[in-house]
Amino acid sequence: MPADYDIFRDSTLRYLGYSNELGEAFRPLVNKSLVRLSYGVAFGYVFSDTIHKGYQVWNTKADHPSKLRHYLVAEQAVDTLIWQTMASVLIPGYAIHKCVDLSKYVLSRCTTPTAIRPMVPYIPTAFGLAMIPLIIHPIDYLVETSMHTYYRPWRRSLYD
């Protein structure tokens, strides 16, 4: 395993962060409590990664003074919490929710052929599921670029 391997971002564990997108895609077909459960799984992933990143900093900065070590752990944990919440839960969940809503709206305005009417309730879910792989990397890039451009310089400026 490479030294820079991150189990939460480089393994299949990453997909737990996208469980809420599945919940949003299936929203028209399932009980709302299952959608809420999917958000619980996604936030469980986010909090696990946050704790993991803080623990890594705690172990690598053992030779630092206690106060600085606590600051570095908190700084990394907050950074991870913001990044994961935005990139894994909020932005993609909202995007899939809107894709499903848009497809439901378009379908409500269209006249559908009799042959495909039984499939109409499943089309928004299929559209939402199809959008998930298309939005993951652009959203990750957007969040990383935004954090690098705005949040991290602002955070550093507080201590300059």
N, C-alpha and C. Protein backbone atom coordinates (compact mmCIF):
# COMPACT_ATOMS: atom_id res chain seq x y z
N MET A 1 0.85 -1.18 0.00
CA MET A 1 0.00 0.00 0.00
C MET A 1 0.90 1.24 0.00
N PRO A 2 0.68 2.19 -0.93
CA PRO A 2 1.51 3.40 -0.97
C PRO A 2 1.35 4.23 0.30
N ALA A 3 2.38 5.02 0.59
CA ALA A 3 2.37 5.83 1.81
C ALA A 3 1.24 6.86 1.81
N ASP A 4 0.88 7.35 0.64
CA ASP A 4 -0.17 8.37 0.57
C ASP A 4 -1.56 7.77 0.35
N TYR A 5 -1.70 6.46 0.53
CA TYR A 5 -2.99 5.79 0.38
C TYR A 5 -3.94 6.23 1.48
N ASP A 6 -5.12 6.63 1.10
CA ASP A 6 -6.13 7.10 2.05
C ASP A 6 -7.33 6.16 1.94
N ILE A 7 -7.56 5.37 2.96
CA ILE A 7 -8.62 4.36 2.92
C ILE A 7 -10.01 4.99 2.69
N PHE A 8 -10.18 6.22 3.17
CA PHE A 8 -11.49 6.86 3.04
C PHE A 8 -11.70 7.54 1.68
N ARG A 9 -10.62 7.80 0.95
CA ARG A 9 -10.78 8.45 -0.35
C ARG A 9 -10.31 7.59 -1.51
N ASP A 10 -9.48 6.57 -1.24
CA ASP A 10 -8.91 5.77 -2.32
C ASP A 10 -9.44 4.35 -2.38
N SER A 11 -10.35 3.98 -1.51
CA SER A 11 -10.89 2.62 -1.51
C SER A 11 -12.40 2.67 -1.78
N THR A 12 -12.99 1.50 -1.84
CA THR A 12 -14.44 1.43 -2.07
C THR A 12 -15.23 1.97 -0.88
N LEU A 13 -14.57 2.18 0.25
CA LEU A 13 -15.23 2.81 1.40
C LEU A 13 -15.78 4.18 1.03
N ARG A 14 -15.15 4.83 0.04
CA ARG A 14 -15.56 6.17 -0.41
C ARG A 14 -17.03 6.17 -0.82
N TYR A 15 -17.50 5.05 -1.34
CA TYR A 15 -18.89 5.00 -1.82
C TYR A 15 -19.92 5.11 -0.70
N LEU A 16 -19.51 4.84 0.54
CA LEU A 16 -20.45 5.04 1.66
C LEU A 16 -20.83 6.52 1.77
N GLY A 17 -19.90 7.39 1.41
CA GLY A 17 -20.19 8.83 1.42
C GLY A 17 -21.23 9.22 0.40
N TYR A 18 -21.43 8.37 -0.58
CA TYR A 18 -22.43 8.65 -1.63
C TYR A 18 -23.73 7.89 -1.42
N SER A 19 -23.91 7.29 -0.27
CA SER A 19 -25.14 6.54 -0.03
C SER A 19 -26.37 7.45 -0.07
N ASN A 20 -26.20 8.71 0.33
CA ASN A 20 -27.35 9.61 0.30
C ASN A 20 -27.78 9.93 -1.14
N GLU A 21 -26.85 9.84 -2.10
CA GLU A 21 -27.26 10.03 -3.49
C GLU A 21 -28.16 8.88 -3.95
N LEU A 22 -27.85 7.68 -3.49
CA LEU A 22 -28.75 6.55 -3.78
C LEU A 22 -30.11 6.80 -3.15
N GLY A 23 -30.10 7.28 -1.91
CA GLY A 23 -31.35 7.61 -1.23
C GLY A 23 -32.15 8.65 -1.99
N GLU A 24 -31.46 9.69 -2.47
CA GLU A 24 -32.15 10.73 -3.25
C GLU A 24 -32.68 10.19 -4.57
N ALA A 25 -31.92 9.33 -5.21
CA ALA A 25 -32.37 8.75 -6.49
C ALA A 25 -33.60 7.88 -6.28
N PHE A 26 -33.64 7.15 -5.18
CA PHE A 26 -34.77 6.25 -4.91
C PHE A 26 -35.91 6.92 -4.16
N ARG A 27 -35.76 8.20 -3.83
CA ARG A 27 -36.79 8.92 -3.07
C ARG A 27 -38.21 8.74 -3.62
N PRO A 28 -38.42 8.79 -4.95
CA PRO A 28 -39.79 8.64 -5.44
C PRO A 28 -40.38 7.24 -5.23
N LEU A 29 -39.52 6.26 -4.95
CA LEU A 29 -40.00 4.88 -4.88
C LEU A 29 -40.02 4.27 -3.48
N VAL A 30 -39.28 4.88 -2.54
CA VAL A 30 -39.14 4.25 -1.23
C VAL A 30 -39.69 5.15 -0.12
N ASN A 31 -39.84 4.57 1.04
CA ASN A 31 -40.27 5.30 2.22
C ASN A 31 -39.22 6.36 2.57
N LYS A 32 -39.65 7.51 3.00
CA LYS A 32 -38.74 8.62 3.31
C LYS A 32 -37.75 8.26 4.42
N SER A 33 -38.11 7.33 5.30
CA SER A 33 -37.18 6.94 6.36
C SER A 33 -35.94 6.26 5.78
N LEU A 34 -36.06 5.59 4.64
CA LEU A 34 -34.89 4.99 3.99
C LEU A 34 -33.98 6.07 3.42
N VAL A 35 -34.57 7.16 2.95
CA VAL A 35 -33.76 8.28 2.46
C VAL A 35 -32.99 8.88 3.63
N ARG A 36 -33.67 9.08 4.76
CA ARG A 36 -33.00 9.61 5.96
C ARG A 36 -31.89 8.67 6.42
N LEU A 37 -32.13 7.38 6.37
CA LEU A 37 -31.13 6.40 6.74
C LEU A 37 -29.90 6.51 5.83
N SER A 38 -30.12 6.75 4.55
CA SER A 38 -28.98 6.89 3.63
C SER A 38 -28.13 8.10 4.00
N TYR A 39 -28.76 9.16 4.50
CA TYR A 39 -28.00 10.32 4.98
C TYR A 39 -27.24 9.97 6.25
N GLY A 40 -27.83 9.13 7.09
CA GLY A 40 -27.13 8.68 8.30
C GLY A 40 -25.87 7.91 7.96
N VAL A 41 -25.96 7.04 6.96
CA VAL A 41 -24.78 6.28 6.52
C VAL A 41 -23.73 7.23 5.97
N ALA A 42 -24.15 8.18 5.14
CA ALA A 42 -23.21 9.14 4.55
C ALA A 42 -22.52 9.98 5.62
N PHE A 43 -23.28 10.47 6.58
CA PHE A 43 -22.66 11.27 7.64
C PHE A 43 -21.80 10.40 8.56
N GLY A 44 -22.14 9.13 8.72
CA GLY A 44 -21.28 8.21 9.46
C GLY A 44 -19.92 8.09 8.79
N TYR A 45 -19.93 8.01 7.47
CA TYR A 45 -18.68 7.99 6.70
C TYR A 45 -17.90 9.28 6.91
N VAL A 46 -18.59 10.42 6.83
CA VAL A 46 -17.94 11.72 6.99
C VAL A 46 -17.28 11.82 8.36
N PHE A 47 -18.00 11.46 9.41
CA PHE A 47 -17.44 11.55 10.77
C PHE A 47 -16.29 10.55 10.97
N SER A 48 -16.40 9.37 10.36
CA SER A 48 -15.31 8.40 10.46
C SER A 48 -14.04 8.93 9.81
N ASP A 49 -14.16 9.52 8.64
CA ASP A 49 -13.00 10.09 7.96
C ASP A 49 -12.42 11.25 8.77
N THR A 50 -13.29 12.06 9.35
CA THR A 50 -12.84 13.19 10.16
C THR A 50 -12.02 12.70 11.35
N ILE A 51 -12.51 11.70 12.04
CA ILE A 51 -11.80 11.14 13.20
C ILE A 51 -10.48 10.51 12.74
N HIS A 52 -10.53 9.79 11.63
CA HIS A 52 -9.33 9.14 11.10
C HIS A 52 -8.24 10.16 10.76
N LYS A 53 -8.62 11.25 10.10
CA LYS A 53 -7.62 12.28 9.73
C LYS A 53 -7.06 12.97 10.98
N GLY A 54 -7.90 13.24 11.95
CA GLY A 54 -7.42 13.82 13.20
C GLY A 54 -6.46 12.88 13.92
N TYR A 55 -6.78 11.61 13.93
CA TYR A 55 -5.93 10.60 14.58
C TYR A 55 -4.58 10.51 13.88
N GLN A 56 -4.58 10.58 12.55
CA GLN A 56 -3.33 10.54 11.80
C GLN A 56 -2.43 11.72 12.18
N VAL A 57 -3.01 12.90 12.27
CA VAL A 57 -2.23 14.08 12.66
C VAL A 57 -1.73 13.91 14.09
N TRP A 58 -2.55 13.41 14.97
CA TRP A 58 -2.16 13.20 16.36
C TRP A 58 -0.93 12.30 16.43
N ASN A 59 -0.92 11.23 15.64
CA ASN A 59 0.21 10.29 15.65
C ASN A 59 1.46 10.86 15.00
N THR A 60 1.32 11.63 13.93
CA THR A 60 2.48 12.14 13.22
C THR A 60 3.09 13.37 13.88
N LYS A 61 2.35 14.05 14.72
CA LYS A 61 2.84 15.27 15.37
C LYS A 61 3.13 15.03 16.86
N ALA A 62 3.51 13.82 17.22
CA ALA A 62 3.74 13.47 18.62
C ALA A 62 4.87 14.28 19.25
N ASP A 63 5.81 14.75 18.44
CA ASP A 63 6.94 15.50 18.98
C ASP A 63 6.65 17.00 19.15
N HIS A 64 5.48 17.44 18.76
CA HIS A 64 5.09 18.84 18.89
C HIS A 64 4.57 19.13 20.31
N PRO A 65 4.67 20.38 20.74
CA PRO A 65 4.09 20.74 22.05
C PRO A 65 2.58 20.44 22.06
N SER A 66 2.06 20.10 23.21
CA SER A 66 0.68 19.65 23.35
C SER A 66 -0.34 20.62 22.76
N LYS A 67 -0.18 21.91 23.06
CA LYS A 67 -1.15 22.90 22.58
C LYS A 67 -1.16 22.97 21.06
N LEU A 68 0.03 22.97 20.44
CA LEU A 68 0.14 23.00 18.98
C LEU A 68 -0.41 21.71 18.37
N ARG A 69 -0.12 20.60 19.01
CA ARG A 69 -0.62 19.31 18.52
C ARG A 69 -2.15 19.28 18.51
N HIS A 70 -2.77 19.77 19.58
CA HIS A 70 -4.23 19.83 19.63
C HIS A 70 -4.77 20.75 18.53
N TYR A 71 -4.12 21.87 18.32
CA TYR A 71 -4.53 22.80 17.27
C TYR A 71 -4.44 22.14 15.90
N LEU A 72 -3.33 21.45 15.62
CA LEU A 72 -3.15 20.80 14.32
C LEU A 72 -4.20 19.71 14.08
N VAL A 73 -4.52 18.96 15.13
CA VAL A 73 -5.56 17.93 15.02
C VAL A 73 -6.91 18.58 14.72
N ALA A 74 -7.25 19.63 15.46
CA ALA A 74 -8.53 20.32 15.23
C ALA A 74 -8.59 20.92 13.84
N GLU A 75 -7.50 21.51 13.41
CA GLU A 75 -7.45 22.13 12.08
C GLU A 75 -7.70 21.09 10.99
N GLN A 76 -7.04 19.94 11.09
CA GLN A 76 -7.23 18.88 10.10
C GLN A 76 -8.63 18.30 10.17
N ALA A 77 -9.15 18.11 11.37
CA ALA A 77 -10.49 17.54 11.53
C ALA A 77 -11.55 18.48 10.94
N VAL A 78 -11.43 19.76 11.19
CA VAL A 78 -12.42 20.72 10.66
C VAL A 78 -12.32 20.77 9.13
N ASP A 79 -11.10 20.77 8.60
CA ASP A 79 -10.91 20.78 7.16
C ASP A 79 -11.56 19.55 6.53
N THR A 80 -11.31 18.39 7.11
CA THR A 80 -11.89 17.14 6.59
C THR A 80 -13.41 17.14 6.71
N LEU A 81 -13.91 17.60 7.83
CA LEU A 81 -15.36 17.64 8.04
C LEU A 81 -16.04 18.53 7.00
N ILE A 82 -15.48 19.69 6.74
CA ILE A 82 -16.06 20.59 5.74
C ILE A 82 -15.97 19.96 4.35
N TRP A 83 -14.78 19.46 3.99
CA TRP A 83 -14.59 18.89 2.66
C TRP A 83 -15.55 17.73 2.42
N GLN A 84 -15.58 16.79 3.34
CA GLN A 84 -16.42 15.61 3.16
C GLN A 84 -17.91 15.95 3.18
N THR A 85 -18.31 16.86 4.05
CA THR A 85 -19.73 17.24 4.10
C THR A 85 -20.16 17.86 2.78
N MET A 86 -19.32 18.72 2.24
CA MET A 86 -19.67 19.38 0.98
C MET A 86 -19.56 18.41 -0.20
N ALA A 87 -18.43 17.68 -0.32
CA ALA A 87 -18.16 16.85 -1.49
C ALA A 87 -18.89 15.52 -1.49
N SER A 88 -19.20 15.00 -0.33
CA SER A 88 -19.82 13.67 -0.28
C SER A 88 -21.31 13.70 0.02
N VAL A 89 -21.78 14.74 0.71
CA VAL A 89 -23.17 14.70 1.16
C VAL A 89 -24.00 15.84 0.57
N LEU A 90 -23.69 17.07 0.92
CA LEU A 90 -24.59 18.18 0.60
C LEU A 90 -24.71 18.47 -0.90
N ILE A 91 -23.60 18.73 -1.56
CA ILE A 91 -23.68 19.13 -2.98
C ILE A 91 -24.18 17.99 -3.85
N PRO A 92 -23.60 16.77 -3.75
CA PRO A 92 -24.13 15.70 -4.60
C PRO A 92 -25.56 15.30 -4.25
N GLY A 93 -25.91 15.33 -2.97
CA GLY A 93 -27.29 15.01 -2.58
C GLY A 93 -28.27 15.99 -3.18
N TYR A 94 -27.92 17.27 -3.12
CA TYR A 94 -28.78 18.31 -3.70
C TYR A 94 -28.86 18.14 -5.22
N ALA A 95 -27.73 17.86 -5.85
CA ALA A 95 -27.71 17.71 -7.31
C ALA A 95 -28.60 16.54 -7.76
N ILE A 96 -28.48 15.41 -7.10
CA ILE A 96 -29.30 14.25 -7.47
C ILE A 96 -30.77 14.52 -7.17
N HIS A 97 -31.05 15.15 -6.04
CA HIS A 97 -32.43 15.51 -5.70
C HIS A 97 -33.05 16.37 -6.81
N LYS A 98 -32.30 17.35 -7.27
CA LYS A 98 -32.80 18.24 -8.33
C LYS A 98 -32.93 17.52 -9.66
N CYS A 99 -32.01 16.60 -9.97
CA CYS A 99 -32.13 15.81 -11.21
C CYS A 99 -33.40 14.97 -11.20
N VAL A 100 -33.66 14.34 -10.06
CA VAL A 100 -34.87 13.52 -9.94
C VAL A 100 -36.11 14.41 -10.05
N ASP A 101 -36.11 15.55 -9.36
CA ASP A 101 -37.24 16.48 -9.45
C ASP A 101 -37.46 16.97 -10.87
N LEU A 102 -36.37 17.32 -11.55
CA LEU A 102 -36.48 17.80 -12.93
C LEU A 102 -37.06 16.72 -13.84
N SER A 103 -36.60 15.50 -13.68
CA SER A 103 -37.13 14.44 -14.54
C SER A 103 -38.60 14.16 -14.23
N LYS A 104 -38.99 14.26 -12.96
CA LYS A 104 -40.41 14.10 -12.61
C LYS A 104 -41.25 15.22 -13.24
N TYR A 105 -40.72 16.43 -13.20
CA TYR A 105 -41.42 17.57 -13.79
C TYR A 105 -41.58 17.40 -15.30
N VAL A 106 -40.50 17.03 -15.96
CA VAL A 106 -40.55 16.84 -17.42
C VAL A 106 -41.54 15.72 -17.76
N LEU A 107 -41.50 14.64 -17.02
CA LEU A 107 -42.43 13.53 -17.28
C LEU A 107 -43.88 13.94 -17.05
N SER A 108 -44.12 14.82 -16.09
CA SER A 108 -45.50 15.25 -15.82
C SER A 108 -46.03 16.15 -16.95
N ARG A 109 -45.13 16.77 -17.70
CA ARG A 109 -45.52 17.65 -18.79
C ARG A 109 -45.59 16.94 -20.14
N CYS A 110 -45.11 15.72 -20.20
CA CYS A 110 -45.07 14.97 -21.46
C CYS A 110 -46.24 13.99 -21.55
N THR A 111 -46.62 13.73 -22.75
CA THR A 111 -47.56 12.63 -22.97
C THR A 111 -46.71 11.40 -23.28
N THR A 112 -46.92 10.38 -22.50
CA THR A 112 -46.11 9.18 -22.66
C THR A 112 -46.87 8.13 -23.43
N PRO A 113 -46.19 7.42 -24.30
CA PRO A 113 -46.84 6.33 -25.03
C PRO A 113 -47.34 5.26 -24.06
N THR A 114 -48.42 4.65 -24.40
CA THR A 114 -49.04 3.64 -23.55
C THR A 114 -48.07 2.52 -23.20
N ALA A 115 -47.20 2.17 -24.11
CA ALA A 115 -46.28 1.05 -23.89
C ALA A 115 -45.30 1.32 -22.76
N ILE A 116 -44.92 2.58 -22.54
CA ILE A 116 -43.93 2.84 -21.50
C ILE A 116 -44.53 3.44 -20.22
N ARG A 117 -45.84 3.65 -20.19
CA ARG A 117 -46.47 4.21 -18.98
C ARG A 117 -46.16 3.42 -17.70
N PRO A 118 -46.12 2.09 -17.73
CA PRO A 118 -45.80 1.38 -16.49
C PRO A 118 -44.38 1.67 -15.97
N MET A 119 -43.49 2.12 -16.85
CA MET A 119 -42.10 2.40 -16.44
C MET A 119 -41.91 3.83 -15.94
N VAL A 120 -42.87 4.70 -16.16
CA VAL A 120 -42.71 6.12 -15.84
C VAL A 120 -42.32 6.36 -14.38
N PRO A 121 -42.88 5.68 -13.40
CA PRO A 121 -42.46 5.95 -12.01
C PRO A 121 -40.99 5.64 -11.74
N TYR A 122 -40.38 4.79 -12.56
CA TYR A 122 -38.99 4.38 -12.35
C TYR A 122 -37.99 5.26 -13.10
N ILE A 123 -38.45 6.05 -14.05
CA ILE A 123 -37.55 6.86 -14.87
C ILE A 123 -36.80 7.91 -14.04
N PRO A 124 -37.44 8.65 -13.13
CA PRO A 124 -36.66 9.60 -12.33
C PRO A 124 -35.55 8.93 -11.51
N THR A 125 -35.84 7.75 -10.96
CA THR A 125 -34.82 7.03 -10.20
C THR A 125 -33.68 6.61 -11.12
N ALA A 126 -34.01 6.08 -12.29
CA ALA A 126 -32.97 5.67 -13.25
C ALA A 126 -32.12 6.87 -13.67
N PHE A 127 -32.78 8.01 -13.89
CA PHE A 127 -32.04 9.22 -14.27
C PHE A 127 -31.13 9.67 -13.14
N GLY A 128 -31.62 9.66 -11.92
CA GLY A 128 -30.80 10.03 -10.76
C GLY A 128 -29.61 9.10 -10.60
N LEU A 129 -29.83 7.80 -10.74
CA LEU A 129 -28.73 6.84 -10.63
C LEU A 129 -27.70 7.05 -11.74
N ALA A 130 -28.17 7.35 -12.94
CA ALA A 130 -27.26 7.57 -14.07
C ALA A 130 -26.41 8.82 -13.87
N MET A 131 -26.93 9.79 -13.14
CA MET A 131 -26.18 11.04 -12.93
C MET A 131 -25.08 10.91 -11.88
N ILE A 132 -25.19 9.96 -10.98
CA ILE A 132 -24.22 9.85 -9.87
C ILE A 132 -22.78 9.76 -10.38
N PRO A 133 -22.45 8.83 -11.28
CA PRO A 133 -21.04 8.76 -11.70
C PRO A 133 -20.59 10.00 -12.48
N LEU A 134 -21.52 10.72 -13.05
CA LEU A 134 -21.15 11.91 -13.82
C LEU A 134 -20.83 13.12 -12.95
N ILE A 135 -21.36 13.15 -11.74
CA ILE A 135 -21.17 14.35 -10.90
C ILE A 135 -20.07 14.20 -9.85
N ILE A 136 -19.64 12.99 -9.56
CA ILE A 136 -18.71 12.76 -8.45
C ILE A 136 -17.40 13.53 -8.62
N HIS A 137 -16.69 13.31 -9.70
CA HIS A 137 -15.37 13.93 -9.86
C HIS A 137 -15.45 15.44 -10.04
N PRO A 138 -16.41 15.96 -10.83
CA PRO A 138 -16.50 17.43 -10.90
C PRO A 138 -16.79 18.08 -9.55
N ILE A 139 -17.63 17.45 -8.74
CA ILE A 139 -17.93 18.02 -7.42
C ILE A 139 -16.71 17.95 -6.51
N ASP A 140 -15.99 16.82 -6.52
CA ASP A 140 -14.77 16.72 -5.72
C ASP A 140 -13.79 17.82 -6.12
N TYR A 141 -13.62 18.03 -7.42
CA TYR A 141 -12.71 19.06 -7.91
C TYR A 141 -13.18 20.45 -7.48
N LEU A 142 -14.48 20.71 -7.61
CA LEU A 142 -15.04 22.00 -7.22
C LEU A 142 -14.80 22.28 -5.73
N VAL A 143 -15.06 21.29 -4.89
CA VAL A 143 -14.88 21.48 -3.45
C VAL A 143 -13.41 21.65 -3.11
N GLU A 144 -12.54 20.82 -3.69
CA GLU A 144 -11.11 20.94 -3.41
C GLU A 144 -10.58 22.30 -3.85
N THR A 145 -10.96 22.74 -5.03
CA THR A 145 -10.51 24.04 -5.54
C THR A 145 -11.06 25.18 -4.67
N SER A 146 -12.31 25.09 -4.28
CA SER A 146 -12.91 26.13 -3.44
C SER A 146 -12.24 26.19 -2.07
N MET A 147 -11.99 25.04 -1.50
CA MET A 147 -11.34 25.03 -0.18
C MET A 147 -9.92 25.58 -0.28
N HIS A 148 -9.23 25.21 -1.36
CA HIS A 148 -7.86 25.66 -1.56
C HIS A 148 -7.80 27.17 -1.85
N THR A 149 -8.81 27.67 -2.52
CA THR A 149 -8.83 29.09 -2.91
C THR A 149 -9.37 29.99 -1.81
N TYR A 150 -10.39 29.53 -1.08
CA TYR A 150 -11.08 30.40 -0.13
C TYR A 150 -10.88 30.01 1.33
N TYR A 151 -11.26 28.81 1.69
CA TYR A 151 -11.27 28.44 3.11
C TYR A 151 -9.87 28.36 3.71
N ARG A 152 -8.98 27.60 3.06
CA ARG A 152 -7.65 27.39 3.65
C ARG A 152 -6.84 28.69 3.75
N PRO A 153 -6.85 29.56 2.73
CA PRO A 153 -6.15 30.85 2.92
C PRO A 153 -6.78 31.69 4.04
N TRP A 154 -8.11 31.67 4.14
CA TRP A 154 -8.78 32.41 5.20
C TRP A 154 -8.37 31.87 6.57
N ARG A 155 -8.34 30.54 6.68
CA ARG A 155 -7.95 29.91 7.95
C ARG A 155 -6.52 30.30 8.31
N ARG A 156 -5.61 30.27 7.33
CA ARG A 156 -4.22 30.65 7.59
C ARG A 156 -4.11 32.12 7.95
N SER A 157 -4.95 32.96 7.35
CA SER A 157 -4.87 34.40 7.62
C SER A 157 -5.26 34.74 9.06
N LEU A 158 -6.00 33.86 9.70
CA LEU A 158 -6.38 34.11 11.09
C LEU A 158 -5.18 34.10 12.03
N TYR A 159 -4.11 33.42 11.63
CA TYR A 159 -2.95 33.26 12.52
C TYR A 159 -1.73 33.98 12.02
N ASP A 160 -1.87 34.77 10.96
CA ASP A 160 -0.73 35.58 10.46
C ASP A 160 -0.61 36.89 11.17
